[in-house]
Amino acid sequence: MQLGRVSRLSMVGAIALVIVAAIVGCTLVGDSLTGVSLNKAGPSGCIRSCTGPFADQVHAEAEVHQNAINGCQQLSSAERGPCMQAEAARHEAAMQQIASGRQECMNGCHRQGGGSAG
């Protein structure tokens, strides 16, 4: 009789191990349930992927700005001032847009909760 009881216990144990292994290996959930990520790149890799393209945009905007300044300097003295002011305003708006896009990209790197409370 003892042999039958041990056999059932080992069978139940084996089934429990299979269930635990299936649950641990399940990848139906996008975010980790425990908050621990196995992805070693993590947010820092994501942030690096945000900074590169936006640094390129800043560089391109600096070139556009310099070309516009050069164009303003070719104008008559009466037109030069308003041209420079308009270019400064355009450049500031473009830089703000680039900075905003970069910040939005970096904010997307941090997981701020994935569910709803109700």
C-alpha atoms as a PDB file:
ATOM      1  CA  MET A   1       0.000   0.000   0.000  1.00  0.00           C
ATOM      2  CA  GLN A   2       2.800   2.388   0.718  1.00  0.00           C
ATOM      3  CA  LEU A   3       4.144   1.935  -2.775  1.00  0.00           C
ATOM      4  CA  GLY A   4       0.857   3.108  -4.311  1.00  0.00           C
ATOM      5  CA  ARG A   5       0.777   6.212  -2.121  1.00  0.00           C
ATOM      6  CA  VAL A   6       4.383   7.144  -3.043  1.00  0.00           C
ATOM      7  CA  SER A   7       3.583   6.587  -6.685  1.00  0.00           C
ATOM      8  CA  ARG A   8       0.597   8.946  -6.530  1.00  0.00           C
ATOM      9  CA  LEU A   9       2.610  11.590  -4.672  1.00  0.00           C
ATOM     10  CA  SER A  10       5.394  11.455  -7.212  1.00  0.00           C
ATOM     11  CA  MET A  11       2.835  11.682 -10.036  1.00  0.00           C
ATOM     12  CA  VAL A  12       1.195  14.728  -8.403  1.00  0.00           C
ATOM     13  CA  GLY A  13       4.660  16.251  -7.865  1.00  0.00           C
ATOM     14  CA  ALA A  14       5.587  15.680 -11.501  1.00  0.00           C
ATOM     15  CA  ILE A  15       2.341  17.278 -12.686  1.00  0.00           C
ATOM     16  CA  ALA A  16       2.925  20.232 -10.376  1.00  0.00           C
ATOM     17  CA  LEU A  17       6.434  20.673 -11.793  1.00  0.00           C
ATOM     18  CA  VAL A  18       5.081  20.633 -15.347  1.00  0.00           C
ATOM     19  CA  ILE A  19       2.451  23.240 -14.456  1.00  0.00           C
ATOM     20  CA  VAL A  20       5.033  25.470 -12.756  1.00  0.00           C
ATOM     21  CA  ALA A  21       7.383  25.138 -15.736  1.00  0.00           C
ATOM     22  CA  ALA A  22       4.544  26.049 -18.112  1.00  0.00           C
ATOM     23  CA  ILE A  23       3.609  29.112 -16.049  1.00  0.00           C
ATOM     24  CA  VAL A  24       7.206  30.312 -15.723  1.00  0.00           C
ATOM     25  CA  GLY A  25       7.809  29.864 -19.445  1.00  0.00           C
ATOM     26  CA  CYS A  26       4.585  31.615 -20.442  1.00  0.00           C
ATOM     27  CA  THR A  27       5.193  34.784 -22.457  1.00  0.00           C
ATOM     28  CA  LEU A  28       1.629  35.964 -22.932  1.00  0.00           C
ATOM     29  CA  VAL A  29       2.223  39.017 -20.755  1.00  0.00           C
ATOM     30  CA  GLY A  30       4.206  41.840 -22.369  1.00  0.00           C
ATOM     31  CA  ASP A  31       5.584  43.377 -19.166  1.00  0.00           C
ATOM     32  CA  SER A  32       7.248  41.284 -16.520  1.00  0.00           C
ATOM     33  CA  LEU A  33       4.917  40.452 -13.676  1.00  0.00           C
ATOM     34  CA  THR A  34       7.603  40.718 -11.035  1.00  0.00           C
ATOM     35  CA  GLY A  35       9.076  43.986 -12.288  1.00  0.00           C
ATOM     36  CA  VAL A  36      12.366  42.271 -13.035  1.00  0.00           C
ATOM     37  CA  SER A  37      13.375  42.365 -16.668  1.00  0.00           C
ATOM     38  CA  LEU A  38      15.672  39.839 -18.287  1.00  0.00           C
ATOM     39  CA  ASN A  39      16.491  42.357 -21.012  1.00  0.00           C
ATOM     40  CA  LYS A  40      19.936  43.618 -20.068  1.00  0.00           C
ATOM     41  CA  ALA A  41      19.742  46.637 -22.385  1.00  0.00           C
ATOM     42  CA  GLY A  42      16.830  48.044 -20.406  1.00  0.00           C
ATOM     43  CA  PRO A  43      15.954  51.716 -20.468  1.00  0.00           C
ATOM     44  CA  SER A  44      19.543  52.871 -21.036  1.00  0.00           C
ATOM     45  CA  GLY A  45      19.654  51.133 -24.419  1.00  0.00           C
ATOM     46  CA  CYS A  46      16.308  52.637 -25.306  1.00  0.00           C
ATOM     47  CA  ILE A  47      17.449  56.099 -24.235  1.00  0.00           C
ATOM     48  CA  ARG A  48      20.566  55.740 -26.372  1.00  0.00           C
ATOM     49  CA  SER A  49      18.343  54.842 -29.319  1.00  0.00           C
ATOM     50  CA  CYS A  50      16.428  58.093 -28.701  1.00  0.00           C
ATOM     51  CA  THR A  51      19.433  60.372 -28.459  1.00  0.00           C
ATOM     52  CA  GLY A  52      21.088  59.390 -31.742  1.00  0.00           C
ATOM     53  CA  PRO A  53      18.354  60.387 -34.206  1.00  0.00           C
ATOM     54  CA  PHE A  54      17.543  63.541 -32.276  1.00  0.00           C
ATOM     55  CA  ALA A  55      21.213  64.544 -32.182  1.00  0.00           C
ATOM     56  CA  ASP A  56      21.176  64.209 -35.965  1.00  0.00           C
ATOM     57  CA  GLN A  57      18.104  66.444 -36.102  1.00  0.00           C
ATOM     58  CA  VAL A  58      19.826  69.077 -33.931  1.00  0.00           C
ATOM     59  CA  HIS A  59      22.840  69.003 -36.235  1.00  0.00           C
ATOM     60  CA  ALA A  60      20.643  69.356 -39.327  1.00  0.00           C
ATOM     61  CA  GLU A  61      18.704  72.225 -37.724  1.00  0.00           C
ATOM     62  CA  ALA A  62      21.961  73.985 -36.851  1.00  0.00           C
ATOM     63  CA  GLU A  63      22.971  73.823 -40.520  1.00  0.00           C
ATOM     64  CA  VAL A  64      19.567  75.146 -41.653  1.00  0.00           C
ATOM     65  CA  HIS A  65      19.824  77.943 -39.080  1.00  0.00           C
ATOM     66  CA  GLN A  66      23.320  78.930 -40.190  1.00  0.00           C
ATOM     67  CA  ASN A  67      22.255  78.962 -43.848  1.00  0.00           C
ATOM     68  CA  ALA A  68      19.250  81.130 -42.973  1.00  0.00           C
ATOM     69  CA  ILE A  69      21.484  83.540 -41.045  1.00  0.00           C
ATOM     70  CA  ASN A  70      23.809  83.741 -44.033  1.00  0.00           C
ATOM     71  CA  GLY A  71      20.785  84.486 -46.217  1.00  0.00           C
ATOM     72  CA  CYS A  72      19.623  87.231 -43.836  1.00  0.00           C
ATOM     73  CA  GLN A  73      23.067  88.806 -43.897  1.00  0.00           C
ATOM     74  CA  GLN A  74      22.833  89.143 -47.671  1.00  0.00           C
ATOM     75  CA  LEU A  75      19.757  91.375 -47.331  1.00  0.00           C
ATOM     76  CA  SER A  76      19.701  95.128 -47.036  1.00  0.00           C
ATOM     77  CA  SER A  77      20.176  96.579 -43.570  1.00  0.00           C
ATOM     78  CA  ALA A  78      16.449  97.433 -43.343  1.00  0.00           C
ATOM     79  CA  GLU A  79      15.446  93.823 -44.071  1.00  0.00           C
ATOM     80  CA  ARG A  80      18.263  92.170 -42.138  1.00  0.00           C
ATOM     81  CA  GLY A  81      16.895  92.818 -38.618  1.00  0.00           C
ATOM     82  CA  PRO A  82      13.392  91.439 -39.209  1.00  0.00           C
ATOM     83  CA  CYS A  83      14.866  88.478 -41.096  1.00  0.00           C
ATOM     84  CA  MET A  84      17.212  87.651 -38.201  1.00  0.00           C
ATOM     85  CA  GLN A  85      14.357  87.947 -35.674  1.00  0.00           C
ATOM     86  CA  ALA A  86      12.100  85.702 -37.749  1.00  0.00           C
ATOM     87  CA  GLU A  87      14.892  83.170 -38.169  1.00  0.00           C
ATOM     88  CA  ALA A  88      15.642  83.217 -34.437  1.00  0.00           C
ATOM     89  CA  ALA A  89      11.970  82.529 -33.677  1.00  0.00           C
ATOM     90  CA  ARG A  90      11.799  79.745 -36.285  1.00  0.00           C
ATOM     91  CA  HIS A  91      15.002  78.183 -34.975  1.00  0.00           C
ATOM     92  CA  GLU A  92      13.781  78.311 -31.364  1.00  0.00           C
ATOM     93  CA  ALA A  93      10.493  76.632 -32.332  1.00  0.00           C
ATOM     94  CA  ALA A  94      12.344  73.937 -34.291  1.00  0.00           C
ATOM     95  CA  MET A  95      14.690  73.260 -31.360  1.00  0.00           C
ATOM     96  CA  GLN A  96      11.727  73.050 -28.969  1.00  0.00           C
ATOM     97  CA  GLN A  97      10.023  70.547 -31.256  1.00  0.00           C
ATOM     98  CA  ILE A  98      13.179  68.420 -31.449  1.00  0.00           C
ATOM     99  CA  ALA A  99      13.611  68.532 -27.658  1.00  0.00           C
ATOM    100  CA  SER A 100       9.956  67.631 -27.132  1.00  0.00           C
ATOM    101  CA  GLY A 101      10.221  64.652 -29.482  1.00  0.00           C
ATOM    102  CA  ARG A 102      13.387  63.472 -27.772  1.00  0.00           C
ATOM    103  CA  GLN A 103      11.761  63.738 -24.335  1.00  0.00           C
ATOM    104  CA  GLU A 104       8.681  61.864 -25.551  1.00  0.00           C
ATOM    105  CA  CYS A 105      10.892  59.112 -26.943  1.00  0.00           C
ATOM    106  CA  MET A 106      12.804  58.826 -23.671  1.00  0.00           C
ATOM    107  CA  ASN A 107       9.581  58.802 -21.641  1.00  0.00           C
ATOM    108  CA  GLY A 108       8.488  55.824 -23.724  1.00  0.00           C
ATOM    109  CA  CYS A 109      11.570  53.965 -22.492  1.00  0.00           C
ATOM    110  CA  HIS A 110      10.210  53.794 -18.953  1.00  0.00           C
ATOM    111  CA  ARG A 111       7.335  51.496 -18.238  1.00  0.00           C
ATOM    112  CA  GLN A 112       4.969  53.425 -16.006  1.00  0.00           C
ATOM    113  CA  GLY A 113       2.472  50.645 -15.294  1.00  0.00           C
ATOM    114  CA  GLY A 114       0.530  48.648 -17.783  1.00  0.00           C
ATOM    115  CA  GLY A 115      -2.898  47.994 -16.414  1.00  0.00           C
ATOM    116  CA  SER A 116      -6.012  49.685 -15.234  1.00  0.00           C
ATOM    117  CA  ALA A 117      -7.526  49.731 -11.794  1.00  0.00           C
ATOM    118  CA  GLY A 118     -11.077  49.103 -12.792  1.00  0.00           C
END
